[in-house]
């Protein structure tokens, strides 16, 4: 039986689109799951996320034992982890959407509203935009330059610039990806980013951080 990739179901993601994209990228056994015991034995973990930071955090913490299972498998077991959109933002220390909500704190930083520096800039940041590599390469070649599909009104501001894997520009620089050790998060949607997104997911499936 092929190794299991756990796609976490906590009521906050377009799960089937992500699952289909993972399968198209080469994943043989995608388990859409809300079961911490599945997460504890998974070879890889993907955390999607659509909606507000607070609602997503409530959904994730609302599954007994899930946050603990994720931490155990990722930080102790070394499983590669991918967070997508709000799934990436939840890696932060806190989110400042509709008040302050604690995040996982895996990559220190906060999630803030995108500031409108130019009246011509539309919020949310929606549509195709460039992904440019950061000054460092914490994702070990997982993220490459290209174009991806974004949809967000809040953005991740890491405390440490060395955790920034990629940037995009929307009236100023916005973090497009973060990474540390075996944890990576992308603000864009690989499942909506056509060949660029599928190639990223394919590299994630082979990633050995």
N, C-alpha and C. Protein backbone atom coordinates (compact mmCIF):
# COMPACT_ATOMS: atom_id res chain seq x y z
N UNK A 1 0.85 -1.20 0.00
CA UNK A 1 0.00 0.00 0.00
C UNK A 1 0.89 1.25 0.00
N UNK A 2 0.52 2.21 -0.83
CA UNK A 2 1.31 3.44 -0.92
C UNK A 2 1.25 4.22 0.38
N UNK A 3 2.31 4.96 0.65
CA UNK A 3 2.33 5.80 1.83
C UNK A 3 1.20 6.81 1.78
N UNK A 4 0.62 7.10 2.95
CA UNK A 4 -0.54 7.98 3.03
C UNK A 4 -0.11 9.44 3.11
N UNK A 5 -0.75 10.27 2.30
CA UNK A 5 -0.67 11.72 2.46
C UNK A 5 -1.95 12.16 3.15
N UNK A 6 -1.83 12.77 4.33
CA UNK A 6 -3.00 13.22 5.08
C UNK A 6 -3.37 14.63 4.66
N UNK A 7 -4.56 14.78 4.10
CA UNK A 7 -5.13 16.08 3.75
C UNK A 7 -6.16 16.40 4.82
N UNK A 8 -5.85 17.36 5.66
CA UNK A 8 -6.63 17.54 6.89
C UNK A 8 -7.96 18.23 6.61
N UNK A 9 -9.01 17.58 7.06
CA UNK A 9 -10.39 18.06 6.89
C UNK A 9 -10.84 18.68 8.20
N UNK A 10 -10.85 20.00 8.26
CA UNK A 10 -11.33 20.68 9.46
C UNK A 10 -12.40 21.72 9.12
N UNK A 11 -13.08 21.48 7.99
CA UNK A 11 -14.19 22.33 7.58
C UNK A 11 -13.78 23.67 7.03
N UNK A 12 -12.54 23.78 6.54
CA UNK A 12 -12.05 25.10 6.14
C UNK A 12 -11.21 25.06 4.87
N UNK A 13 -11.54 24.17 3.95
CA UNK A 13 -10.74 24.12 2.73
C UNK A 13 -11.51 23.53 1.58
N UNK A 14 -11.10 23.86 0.36
CA UNK A 14 -11.70 23.23 -0.82
C UNK A 14 -10.99 21.89 -1.03
N UNK A 15 -11.36 20.97 -0.18
CA UNK A 15 -10.62 19.71 -0.04
C UNK A 15 -10.54 18.91 -1.32
N UNK A 16 -11.65 18.80 -2.03
CA UNK A 16 -11.66 17.91 -3.18
C UNK A 16 -10.83 18.48 -4.32
N UNK A 17 -10.81 19.80 -4.47
CA UNK A 17 -9.95 20.40 -5.50
C UNK A 17 -8.48 20.15 -5.17
N UNK A 18 -8.13 20.30 -3.89
CA UNK A 18 -6.74 20.06 -3.49
C UNK A 18 -6.40 18.58 -3.65
N UNK A 19 -7.32 17.70 -3.24
CA UNK A 19 -7.07 16.26 -3.37
C UNK A 19 -6.88 15.87 -4.83
N UNK A 20 -7.72 16.40 -5.71
CA UNK A 20 -7.60 16.09 -7.13
C UNK A 20 -6.27 16.59 -7.70
N UNK A 21 -5.84 17.78 -7.25
CA UNK A 21 -4.56 18.32 -7.72
C UNK A 21 -3.41 17.46 -7.22
N UNK A 22 -3.47 17.02 -5.98
CA UNK A 22 -2.41 16.16 -5.44
C UNK A 22 -2.34 14.84 -6.22
N UNK A 23 -3.48 14.28 -6.54
CA UNK A 23 -3.48 13.03 -7.31
C UNK A 23 -2.93 13.27 -8.72
N UNK A 24 -3.31 14.40 -9.31
CA UNK A 24 -2.79 14.73 -10.65
C UNK A 24 -1.28 14.93 -10.62
N UNK A 25 -0.77 15.37 -9.46
CA UNK A 25 0.67 15.59 -9.30
C UNK A 25 1.43 14.31 -8.98
N UNK A 26 0.70 13.21 -8.74
CA UNK A 26 1.36 11.94 -8.53
C UNK A 26 1.11 11.27 -7.20
N UNK A 27 0.31 11.87 -6.32
CA UNK A 27 0.02 11.24 -5.03
C UNK A 27 -0.88 10.02 -5.23
N UNK A 28 -0.46 8.88 -4.70
CA UNK A 28 -1.20 7.64 -4.91
C UNK A 28 -2.23 7.37 -3.83
N UNK A 29 -2.04 7.92 -2.65
CA UNK A 29 -2.94 7.60 -1.54
C UNK A 29 -3.20 8.85 -0.71
N UNK A 30 -4.19 9.65 -1.14
CA UNK A 30 -4.57 10.87 -0.43
C UNK A 30 -5.72 10.54 0.52
N UNK A 31 -5.49 10.73 1.81
CA UNK A 31 -6.53 10.47 2.81
C UNK A 31 -7.08 11.81 3.29
N UNK A 32 -8.32 12.13 2.90
CA UNK A 32 -8.99 13.31 3.44
C UNK A 32 -9.48 12.91 4.83
N UNK A 33 -8.93 13.55 5.86
CA UNK A 33 -9.14 13.00 7.20
C UNK A 33 -9.27 14.05 8.29
N UNK A 34 -10.11 13.74 9.27
CA UNK A 34 -10.19 14.51 10.50
C UNK A 34 -9.80 13.63 11.68
N UNK A 35 -9.04 12.58 11.40
CA UNK A 35 -8.66 11.59 12.41
C UNK A 35 -7.19 11.79 12.80
N UNK A 36 -6.91 12.23 14.03
CA UNK A 36 -5.51 12.42 14.44
C UNK A 36 -4.65 11.18 14.31
N UNK A 37 -5.23 10.01 14.44
CA UNK A 37 -4.42 8.79 14.35
C UNK A 37 -3.91 8.57 12.93
N UNK A 38 -4.66 9.02 11.93
CA UNK A 38 -4.19 8.95 10.54
C UNK A 38 -3.05 9.92 10.34
N UNK A 39 -3.18 11.12 10.92
CA UNK A 39 -2.14 12.14 10.79
C UNK A 39 -0.84 11.67 11.43
N UNK A 40 -0.95 10.96 12.55
CA UNK A 40 0.25 10.50 13.27
C UNK A 40 1.09 9.51 12.48
N UNK A 41 0.49 8.86 11.50
CA UNK A 41 1.23 7.86 10.74
C UNK A 41 1.42 8.25 9.27
N UNK A 42 0.99 9.45 8.90
CA UNK A 42 1.07 9.88 7.51
C UNK A 42 2.51 10.16 7.10
N UNK A 43 2.81 9.89 5.83
CA UNK A 43 4.14 10.21 5.32
C UNK A 43 4.29 11.72 5.11
N UNK A 44 3.21 12.37 4.65
CA UNK A 44 3.20 13.81 4.41
C UNK A 44 1.86 14.37 4.86
N UNK A 45 1.85 15.67 5.15
CA UNK A 45 0.63 16.32 5.64
C UNK A 45 0.39 17.60 4.86
N UNK A 46 -0.86 17.81 4.43
CA UNK A 46 -1.26 19.05 3.77
C UNK A 46 -2.42 19.65 4.54
N UNK A 47 -2.28 20.95 4.86
CA UNK A 47 -3.32 21.69 5.57
C UNK A 47 -3.83 22.79 4.65
N UNK A 48 -5.02 22.61 4.06
CA UNK A 48 -5.58 23.67 3.22
C UNK A 48 -6.25 24.72 4.11
N UNK A 49 -6.88 25.70 3.50
CA UNK A 49 -7.58 26.69 4.30
C UNK A 49 -8.18 27.77 3.45
N UNK A 50 -9.50 27.99 3.61
CA UNK A 50 -10.21 29.06 2.92
C UNK A 50 -11.12 29.73 3.92
N UNK A 51 -11.13 31.08 3.95
CA UNK A 51 -11.98 31.80 4.88
C UNK A 51 -11.16 32.66 5.82
N UNK A 52 -11.72 32.97 6.97
CA UNK A 52 -11.03 33.84 7.93
C UNK A 52 -10.09 33.03 8.82
N UNK A 53 -9.06 33.71 9.30
CA UNK A 53 -8.08 33.07 10.19
C UNK A 53 -8.77 32.51 11.43
N UNK A 54 -9.66 33.31 12.05
CA UNK A 54 -10.32 32.88 13.28
C UNK A 54 -11.19 31.65 13.08
N UNK A 55 -11.97 31.64 11.99
CA UNK A 55 -12.85 30.50 11.73
C UNK A 55 -12.03 29.24 11.45
N UNK A 56 -10.93 29.40 10.70
CA UNK A 56 -10.09 28.24 10.40
C UNK A 56 -9.41 27.71 11.67
N UNK A 57 -8.92 28.63 12.50
CA UNK A 57 -8.29 28.21 13.75
C UNK A 57 -9.29 27.47 14.63
N UNK A 58 -10.51 28.00 14.71
CA UNK A 58 -11.54 27.35 15.53
C UNK A 58 -11.84 25.95 15.02
N UNK A 59 -11.88 25.80 13.70
CA UNK A 59 -12.15 24.48 13.13
C UNK A 59 -11.03 23.50 13.42
N UNK A 60 -9.78 23.97 13.31
CA UNK A 60 -8.64 23.07 13.53
C UNK A 60 -8.54 22.67 14.99
N UNK A 61 -8.62 23.65 15.89
CA UNK A 61 -8.54 23.34 17.33
C UNK A 61 -9.79 22.63 17.83
N UNK A 62 -10.85 22.68 17.02
CA UNK A 62 -12.08 22.02 17.43
C UNK A 62 -12.06 20.51 17.25
N UNK A 63 -11.03 19.98 16.59
CA UNK A 63 -10.89 18.53 16.44
C UNK A 63 -9.97 18.04 17.56
N UNK A 64 -10.49 17.33 18.55
CA UNK A 64 -9.67 16.91 19.69
C UNK A 64 -8.42 16.15 19.25
N UNK A 65 -7.27 16.62 19.69
CA UNK A 65 -6.02 15.93 19.43
C UNK A 65 -5.37 16.21 18.09
N UNK A 66 -6.02 16.98 17.22
CA UNK A 66 -5.47 17.16 15.87
C UNK A 66 -4.20 18.02 15.88
N UNK A 67 -4.22 19.14 16.59
CA UNK A 67 -3.03 20.01 16.61
C UNK A 67 -1.85 19.26 17.23
N UNK A 68 -2.11 18.48 18.27
CA UNK A 68 -1.06 17.70 18.92
C UNK A 68 -0.52 16.63 17.97
N UNK A 69 -1.43 15.99 17.22
CA UNK A 69 -0.99 14.95 16.27
C UNK A 69 -0.14 15.55 15.16
N UNK A 70 -0.54 16.72 14.66
CA UNK A 70 0.24 17.40 13.63
C UNK A 70 1.64 17.73 14.16
N UNK A 71 1.70 18.31 15.34
CA UNK A 71 3.00 18.70 15.91
C UNK A 71 3.89 17.49 16.13
N UNK A 72 3.30 16.41 16.61
CA UNK A 72 4.08 15.19 16.86
C UNK A 72 4.64 14.62 15.56
N UNK A 73 3.81 14.55 14.54
CA UNK A 73 4.25 13.94 13.29
C UNK A 73 5.26 14.82 12.55
N UNK A 74 5.05 16.15 12.61
CA UNK A 74 5.91 17.06 11.87
C UNK A 74 7.21 17.35 12.63
N UNK A 75 7.09 17.70 13.91
CA UNK A 75 8.27 18.15 14.65
C UNK A 75 9.07 17.01 15.25
N UNK A 76 8.42 15.92 15.58
CA UNK A 76 9.13 14.76 16.13
C UNK A 76 9.40 13.73 15.03
N UNK A 77 8.37 13.44 14.23
CA UNK A 77 8.51 12.42 13.19
C UNK A 77 9.16 12.91 11.91
N UNK A 78 9.20 14.24 11.71
CA UNK A 78 9.88 14.79 10.54
C UNK A 78 9.11 14.73 9.24
N UNK A 79 7.79 14.53 9.30
CA UNK A 79 7.00 14.46 8.07
C UNK A 79 6.98 15.81 7.37
N UNK A 80 7.17 15.87 6.05
CA UNK A 80 7.02 17.13 5.31
C UNK A 80 5.59 17.66 5.43
N UNK A 81 5.48 18.96 5.59
CA UNK A 81 4.19 19.61 5.83
C UNK A 81 4.01 20.75 4.85
N UNK A 82 2.83 20.85 4.24
CA UNK A 82 2.49 21.96 3.35
C UNK A 82 1.21 22.62 3.80
N UNK A 83 1.27 23.92 4.08
CA UNK A 83 0.09 24.71 4.37
C UNK A 83 -0.28 25.55 3.16
N UNK A 84 -1.58 25.61 2.83
CA UNK A 84 -2.05 26.34 1.65
C UNK A 84 -3.00 27.45 2.08
N UNK A 85 -2.73 28.67 1.62
CA UNK A 85 -3.55 29.85 1.88
C UNK A 85 -3.72 30.05 3.39
N UNK A 86 -4.92 29.94 3.95
CA UNK A 86 -5.05 30.11 5.39
C UNK A 86 -4.34 28.99 6.14
N UNK A 87 -4.19 27.84 5.51
CA UNK A 87 -3.39 26.77 6.10
C UNK A 87 -1.94 27.18 6.30
N UNK A 88 -1.44 28.04 5.42
CA UNK A 88 -0.12 28.65 5.61
C UNK A 88 -0.18 29.68 6.73
N UNK A 89 -1.19 30.54 6.71
CA UNK A 89 -1.28 31.61 7.70
C UNK A 89 -1.37 31.07 9.13
N UNK A 90 -1.97 29.91 9.29
CA UNK A 90 -2.09 29.32 10.63
C UNK A 90 -0.75 28.92 11.22
N UNK A 91 0.31 28.89 10.41
CA UNK A 91 1.65 28.62 10.94
C UNK A 91 2.15 29.76 11.80
N UNK A 92 1.56 30.94 11.67
CA UNK A 92 2.01 32.14 12.37
C UNK A 92 1.70 32.07 13.87
N UNK A 93 2.28 33.02 14.59
CA UNK A 93 2.03 33.12 16.03
C UNK A 93 0.60 33.57 16.30
N UNK A 94 0.12 34.50 15.47
CA UNK A 94 -1.23 35.03 15.69
C UNK A 94 -1.77 35.63 14.39
N UNK A 95 -3.09 35.69 14.32
CA UNK A 95 -3.76 36.36 13.22
C UNK A 95 -4.54 37.55 13.75
N UNK A 96 -4.54 38.64 13.00
CA UNK A 96 -5.20 39.88 13.43
C UNK A 96 -6.42 40.18 12.58
N UNK A 97 -7.19 39.15 12.29
CA UNK A 97 -8.41 39.29 11.50
C UNK A 97 -9.60 39.16 12.44
N UNK A 98 -10.42 40.23 12.53
CA UNK A 98 -11.55 40.24 13.47
C UNK A 98 -11.07 39.97 14.90
N UNK A 99 -10.08 40.75 15.34
CA UNK A 99 -9.49 40.54 16.66
C UNK A 99 -8.23 39.70 16.54
N UNK A 100 -7.69 39.31 17.67
CA UNK A 100 -6.45 38.53 17.69
C UNK A 100 -6.75 37.08 18.00
N UNK A 101 -6.22 36.19 17.16
CA UNK A 101 -6.42 34.75 17.32
C UNK A 101 -5.07 34.06 17.31
N UNK A 102 -4.77 33.22 18.31
CA UNK A 102 -3.49 32.49 18.29
C UNK A 102 -3.43 31.52 17.12
N UNK A 103 -2.22 31.41 16.53
CA UNK A 103 -1.96 30.41 15.51
C UNK A 103 -1.13 29.27 16.07
N UNK A 104 -0.61 28.44 15.19
CA UNK A 104 0.21 27.31 15.63
C UNK A 104 1.54 27.76 16.21
N UNK A 105 2.07 28.89 15.73
CA UNK A 105 3.36 29.37 16.21
C UNK A 105 4.54 28.56 15.71
N UNK A 106 4.38 27.85 14.59
CA UNK A 106 5.48 27.04 14.06
C UNK A 106 6.53 27.91 13.38
N UNK A 107 6.10 29.01 12.75
CA UNK A 107 7.01 29.98 12.14
C UNK A 107 6.57 31.35 12.63
N UNK A 108 7.32 31.90 13.57
CA UNK A 108 6.89 33.10 14.29
C UNK A 108 6.57 34.25 13.33
N UNK A 109 5.48 34.94 13.63
CA UNK A 109 5.06 36.07 12.83
C UNK A 109 3.58 36.32 13.05
N UNK A 110 3.03 37.27 12.31
CA UNK A 110 1.60 37.55 12.44
C UNK A 110 0.98 37.77 11.07
N UNK A 111 -0.32 37.59 11.02
CA UNK A 111 -1.09 37.76 9.79
C UNK A 111 -1.89 39.04 9.91
N UNK A 112 -1.60 39.99 9.02
CA UNK A 112 -2.19 41.33 9.08
C UNK A 112 -2.98 41.62 7.80
N UNK A 113 -3.85 42.61 7.88
CA UNK A 113 -4.58 43.06 6.69
C UNK A 113 -3.61 43.66 5.68
N UNK A 114 -3.85 43.40 4.41
CA UNK A 114 -3.09 44.05 3.35
C UNK A 114 -3.45 45.54 3.35
N UNK A 115 -2.46 46.40 3.41
CA UNK A 115 -2.70 47.84 3.44
C UNK A 115 -2.83 48.37 2.01
N UNK A 116 -3.84 49.22 1.81
CA UNK A 116 -4.04 49.82 0.49
C UNK A 116 -3.16 51.05 0.37
N UNK A 117 -1.99 50.90 -0.26
CA UNK A 117 -1.04 52.00 -0.41
C UNK A 117 -1.32 52.84 -1.65
N UNK A 118 -2.17 52.32 -2.53
CA UNK A 118 -2.49 52.99 -3.79
C UNK A 118 -3.96 52.72 -4.08
N UNK A 119 -4.77 53.77 -4.36
CA UNK A 119 -6.21 53.55 -4.63
C UNK A 119 -6.47 52.58 -5.77
N UNK A 120 -5.49 52.42 -6.66
CA UNK A 120 -5.68 51.50 -7.79
C UNK A 120 -5.51 50.04 -7.38
N UNK A 121 -4.93 49.83 -6.20
CA UNK A 121 -4.72 48.45 -5.73
C UNK A 121 -6.02 47.90 -5.16
N UNK A 122 -6.42 46.74 -5.66
CA UNK A 122 -7.66 46.14 -5.20
C UNK A 122 -7.39 45.14 -4.08
N UNK A 123 -8.29 45.16 -3.11
CA UNK A 123 -8.24 44.19 -2.02
C UNK A 123 -9.62 43.52 -1.95
N UNK A 124 -9.69 42.20 -1.99
CA UNK A 124 -8.59 41.25 -1.85
C UNK A 124 -7.64 41.22 -3.04
N UNK A 125 -6.44 40.70 -2.77
CA UNK A 125 -5.47 40.40 -3.80
C UNK A 125 -5.96 39.13 -4.48
N UNK A 126 -6.45 39.29 -5.71
CA UNK A 126 -7.11 38.16 -6.37
C UNK A 126 -6.62 38.03 -7.80
N UNK A 127 -6.23 36.82 -8.17
CA UNK A 127 -5.83 36.54 -9.54
C UNK A 127 -4.39 36.10 -9.63
N UNK A 128 -3.89 36.09 -10.86
CA UNK A 128 -2.54 35.59 -11.13
C UNK A 128 -1.50 36.65 -10.81
N UNK A 129 -0.41 36.22 -10.19
CA UNK A 129 0.67 37.14 -9.88
C UNK A 129 1.98 36.36 -9.82
N UNK A 130 3.08 37.12 -9.98
CA UNK A 130 4.39 36.49 -9.98
C UNK A 130 4.77 35.96 -8.60
N UNK A 131 5.50 34.87 -8.60
CA UNK A 131 6.14 34.33 -7.40
C UNK A 131 7.65 34.46 -7.61
N UNK A 132 8.28 35.27 -6.78
CA UNK A 132 9.73 35.51 -6.88
C UNK A 132 10.41 34.95 -5.64
N UNK A 133 11.55 34.32 -5.82
CA UNK A 133 12.25 33.74 -4.69
C UNK A 133 12.71 34.81 -3.72
N UNK A 134 12.68 34.46 -2.43
CA UNK A 134 13.21 35.35 -1.39
C UNK A 134 14.73 35.37 -1.43
N UNK A 135 15.31 36.13 -0.53
CA UNK A 135 16.76 36.25 -0.48
C UNK A 135 17.42 34.95 -0.02
N UNK A 136 16.67 34.13 0.67
CA UNK A 136 17.19 32.86 1.17
C UNK A 136 16.41 31.74 0.48
N UNK A 137 16.79 30.52 0.70
CA UNK A 137 16.08 29.38 0.11
C UNK A 137 15.78 28.36 1.20
N UNK A 138 14.90 28.73 2.17
CA UNK A 138 14.64 27.81 3.27
C UNK A 138 13.87 26.56 2.84
N UNK A 139 13.28 26.58 1.64
CA UNK A 139 12.50 25.43 1.19
C UNK A 139 13.33 24.46 0.34
N UNK A 140 14.64 24.69 0.25
CA UNK A 140 15.56 23.77 -0.44
C UNK A 140 15.12 23.45 -1.86
N UNK A 141 14.78 24.50 -2.63
CA UNK A 141 14.44 24.30 -4.03
C UNK A 141 13.00 23.90 -4.29
N UNK A 142 12.18 23.79 -3.26
CA UNK A 142 10.79 23.40 -3.46
C UNK A 142 10.01 24.49 -4.21
N UNK A 143 10.23 25.75 -3.84
CA UNK A 143 9.56 26.88 -4.50
C UNK A 143 10.44 27.37 -5.63
N UNK A 144 9.84 27.59 -6.80
CA UNK A 144 10.58 28.13 -7.95
C UNK A 144 9.82 29.35 -8.47
N UNK A 145 10.51 30.23 -9.22
CA UNK A 145 9.82 31.39 -9.78
C UNK A 145 8.72 30.97 -10.75
N UNK A 146 7.70 31.80 -10.85
CA UNK A 146 6.62 31.51 -11.78
C UNK A 146 5.43 32.39 -11.51
N UNK A 147 4.26 31.95 -11.97
CA UNK A 147 3.02 32.67 -11.76
C UNK A 147 2.02 31.75 -11.08
N UNK A 148 1.34 32.28 -10.05
CA UNK A 148 0.39 31.47 -9.31
C UNK A 148 -0.88 32.27 -9.05
N UNK A 149 -1.92 31.56 -8.62
CA UNK A 149 -3.22 32.20 -8.38
C UNK A 149 -3.39 32.51 -6.89
N UNK A 150 -3.65 33.77 -6.59
CA UNK A 150 -3.81 34.25 -5.21
C UNK A 150 -5.25 34.68 -4.96
N UNK A 151 -5.68 34.56 -3.72
CA UNK A 151 -6.96 35.12 -3.28
C UNK A 151 -6.89 35.33 -1.77
N UNK A 152 -6.56 36.56 -1.35
CA UNK A 152 -6.45 36.83 0.09
C UNK A 152 -6.51 38.34 0.37
N UNK A 153 -6.99 38.67 1.56
CA UNK A 153 -7.04 40.06 2.03
C UNK A 153 -6.07 40.29 3.18
N UNK A 154 -5.52 39.22 3.74
CA UNK A 154 -4.56 39.30 4.85
C UNK A 154 -3.27 38.63 4.41
N UNK A 155 -2.16 39.06 4.98
CA UNK A 155 -0.86 38.52 4.57
C UNK A 155 0.00 38.21 5.77
N UNK A 156 0.90 37.27 5.57
CA UNK A 156 1.78 36.74 6.61
C UNK A 156 3.03 37.62 6.69
N UNK A 157 3.37 38.06 7.90
CA UNK A 157 4.59 38.84 8.13
C UNK A 157 5.45 38.07 9.13
N UNK A 158 6.40 37.26 8.65
CA UNK A 158 7.25 36.50 9.57
C UNK A 158 8.17 37.41 10.39
N UNK A 159 8.48 37.00 11.60
CA UNK A 159 9.42 37.76 12.44
C UNK A 159 10.83 37.71 11.86
N UNK A 160 11.18 36.58 11.25
CA UNK A 160 12.53 36.37 10.74
C UNK A 160 12.50 36.29 9.21
N UNK A 161 13.18 37.21 8.56
CA UNK A 161 13.19 37.23 7.11
C UNK A 161 13.76 35.98 6.49
N UNK A 162 14.54 35.22 7.24
CA UNK A 162 15.11 33.99 6.70
C UNK A 162 14.07 32.88 6.54
N UNK A 163 12.87 33.11 7.08
CA UNK A 163 11.79 32.14 6.89
C UNK A 163 11.00 32.40 5.61
N UNK A 164 11.30 33.51 4.92
CA UNK A 164 10.59 33.85 3.69
C UNK A 164 11.18 33.06 2.52
N UNK A 165 10.35 32.24 1.88
CA UNK A 165 10.80 31.43 0.75
C UNK A 165 10.50 32.11 -0.58
N UNK A 166 9.45 32.95 -0.63
CA UNK A 166 9.09 33.61 -1.89
C UNK A 166 8.25 34.84 -1.58
N UNK A 167 8.26 35.78 -2.54
CA UNK A 167 7.52 37.02 -2.42
C UNK A 167 6.67 37.23 -3.68
N UNK A 168 5.64 38.07 -3.54
CA UNK A 168 4.90 38.56 -4.69
C UNK A 168 4.70 40.05 -4.49
N UNK A 169 4.19 40.74 -5.49
CA UNK A 169 4.02 42.19 -5.39
C UNK A 169 2.57 42.56 -5.68
N UNK A 170 1.98 43.29 -4.72
CA UNK A 170 0.62 43.80 -4.92
C UNK A 170 0.54 45.14 -4.17
N UNK A 171 1.01 46.19 -4.85
CA UNK A 171 1.11 47.49 -4.20
C UNK A 171 2.21 47.51 -3.15
N UNK A 172 3.18 46.63 -3.31
CA UNK A 172 4.25 46.42 -2.33
C UNK A 172 4.48 44.94 -2.16
N UNK A 173 5.57 44.59 -1.52
CA UNK A 173 5.91 43.18 -1.36
C UNK A 173 5.00 42.46 -0.38
N UNK A 174 4.54 41.28 -0.76
CA UNK A 174 3.77 40.40 0.12
C UNK A 174 4.44 39.04 0.12
N UNK A 175 4.44 38.38 1.26
CA UNK A 175 5.04 37.05 1.36
C UNK A 175 4.18 36.03 0.61
N UNK A 176 4.80 35.33 -0.32
CA UNK A 176 4.09 34.31 -1.10
C UNK A 176 4.32 32.91 -0.54
N UNK A 177 5.44 32.72 0.18
CA UNK A 177 5.72 31.40 0.76
C UNK A 177 6.67 31.55 1.94
N UNK A 178 6.48 30.70 2.93
CA UNK A 178 7.37 30.64 4.09
C UNK A 178 7.86 29.20 4.22
N UNK A 179 8.99 29.03 4.88
CA UNK A 179 9.51 27.67 5.08
C UNK A 179 10.50 27.67 6.22
N UNK A 180 10.51 26.55 6.92
CA UNK A 180 11.53 26.28 7.94
C UNK A 180 11.60 24.78 8.14
N UNK A 181 12.81 24.24 7.96
CA UNK A 181 13.03 22.79 8.12
C UNK A 181 12.08 22.01 7.20
N UNK A 182 11.22 21.17 7.76
CA UNK A 182 10.31 20.35 6.95
C UNK A 182 8.91 20.94 6.83
N UNK A 183 8.79 22.24 7.13
CA UNK A 183 7.50 22.93 7.08
C UNK A 183 7.54 24.01 6.00
N UNK A 184 6.56 23.99 5.10
CA UNK A 184 6.46 25.04 4.09
C UNK A 184 5.00 25.47 3.98
N UNK A 185 4.80 26.74 3.69
CA UNK A 185 3.46 27.26 3.48
C UNK A 185 3.44 28.18 2.28
N UNK A 186 2.37 28.11 1.49
CA UNK A 186 2.23 28.98 0.33
C UNK A 186 0.94 29.78 0.45
N UNK A 187 1.02 31.08 0.15
CA UNK A 187 -0.17 31.93 0.23
C UNK A 187 -1.09 31.69 -0.97
N UNK A 188 -0.51 31.31 -2.10
CA UNK A 188 -1.30 31.08 -3.31
C UNK A 188 -1.95 29.70 -3.26
N UNK A 189 -2.77 29.44 -4.26
CA UNK A 189 -3.50 28.16 -4.36
C UNK A 189 -2.86 27.29 -5.44
N UNK A 190 -2.06 26.30 -5.09
CA UNK A 190 -1.50 25.42 -6.12
C UNK A 190 -2.57 24.72 -6.94
N UNK A 191 -3.68 24.38 -6.30
CA UNK A 191 -4.74 23.64 -7.00
C UNK A 191 -5.44 24.49 -8.05
N UNK A 192 -5.24 25.81 -8.01
CA UNK A 192 -5.83 26.71 -9.01
C UNK A 192 -4.76 27.32 -9.92
N UNK A 193 -3.52 26.88 -9.75
CA UNK A 193 -2.40 27.51 -10.46
C UNK A 193 -1.89 26.69 -11.63
N UNK A 194 -2.73 25.82 -12.16
CA UNK A 194 -2.45 25.08 -13.38
C UNK A 194 -1.08 24.39 -13.33
N UNK A 195 -0.30 24.47 -14.39
CA UNK A 195 0.94 23.70 -14.45
C UNK A 195 1.93 24.12 -13.37
N UNK A 196 1.94 25.42 -13.02
CA UNK A 196 2.86 25.87 -11.96
C UNK A 196 2.50 25.20 -10.63
N UNK A 197 1.21 25.17 -10.32
CA UNK A 197 0.79 24.58 -9.06
C UNK A 197 1.00 23.08 -9.02
N UNK A 198 0.71 22.39 -10.12
CA UNK A 198 0.90 20.94 -10.14
C UNK A 198 2.38 20.57 -10.02
N UNK A 199 3.24 21.38 -10.64
CA UNK A 199 4.67 21.08 -10.52
C UNK A 199 5.16 21.29 -9.09
N UNK A 200 4.62 22.30 -8.41
CA UNK A 200 4.97 22.50 -7.00
C UNK A 200 4.53 21.31 -6.16
N UNK A 201 3.29 20.86 -6.36
CA UNK A 201 2.79 19.72 -5.60
C UNK A 201 3.61 18.47 -5.90
N UNK A 202 4.01 18.30 -7.15
CA UNK A 202 4.84 17.16 -7.52
C UNK A 202 6.18 17.20 -6.79
N UNK A 203 6.77 18.39 -6.71
CA UNK A 203 8.04 18.51 -5.98
C UNK A 203 7.83 18.26 -4.49
N UNK A 204 6.69 18.71 -3.95
CA UNK A 204 6.40 18.45 -2.53
C UNK A 204 6.33 16.96 -2.25
N UNK A 205 5.74 16.22 -3.17
CA UNK A 205 5.60 14.76 -2.98
C UNK A 205 6.94 14.05 -2.95
N UNK A 206 7.95 14.67 -3.55
CA UNK A 206 9.30 14.09 -3.57
C UNK A 206 10.25 14.77 -2.58
N UNK A 207 9.77 15.81 -1.90
CA UNK A 207 10.61 16.66 -1.05
C UNK A 207 11.16 15.86 0.13
N UNK A 208 12.45 15.95 0.32
CA UNK A 208 13.09 15.30 1.47
C UNK A 208 13.93 16.34 2.21
N UNK A 209 13.27 17.17 3.02
CA UNK A 209 13.96 18.26 3.72
C UNK A 209 14.92 17.73 4.79
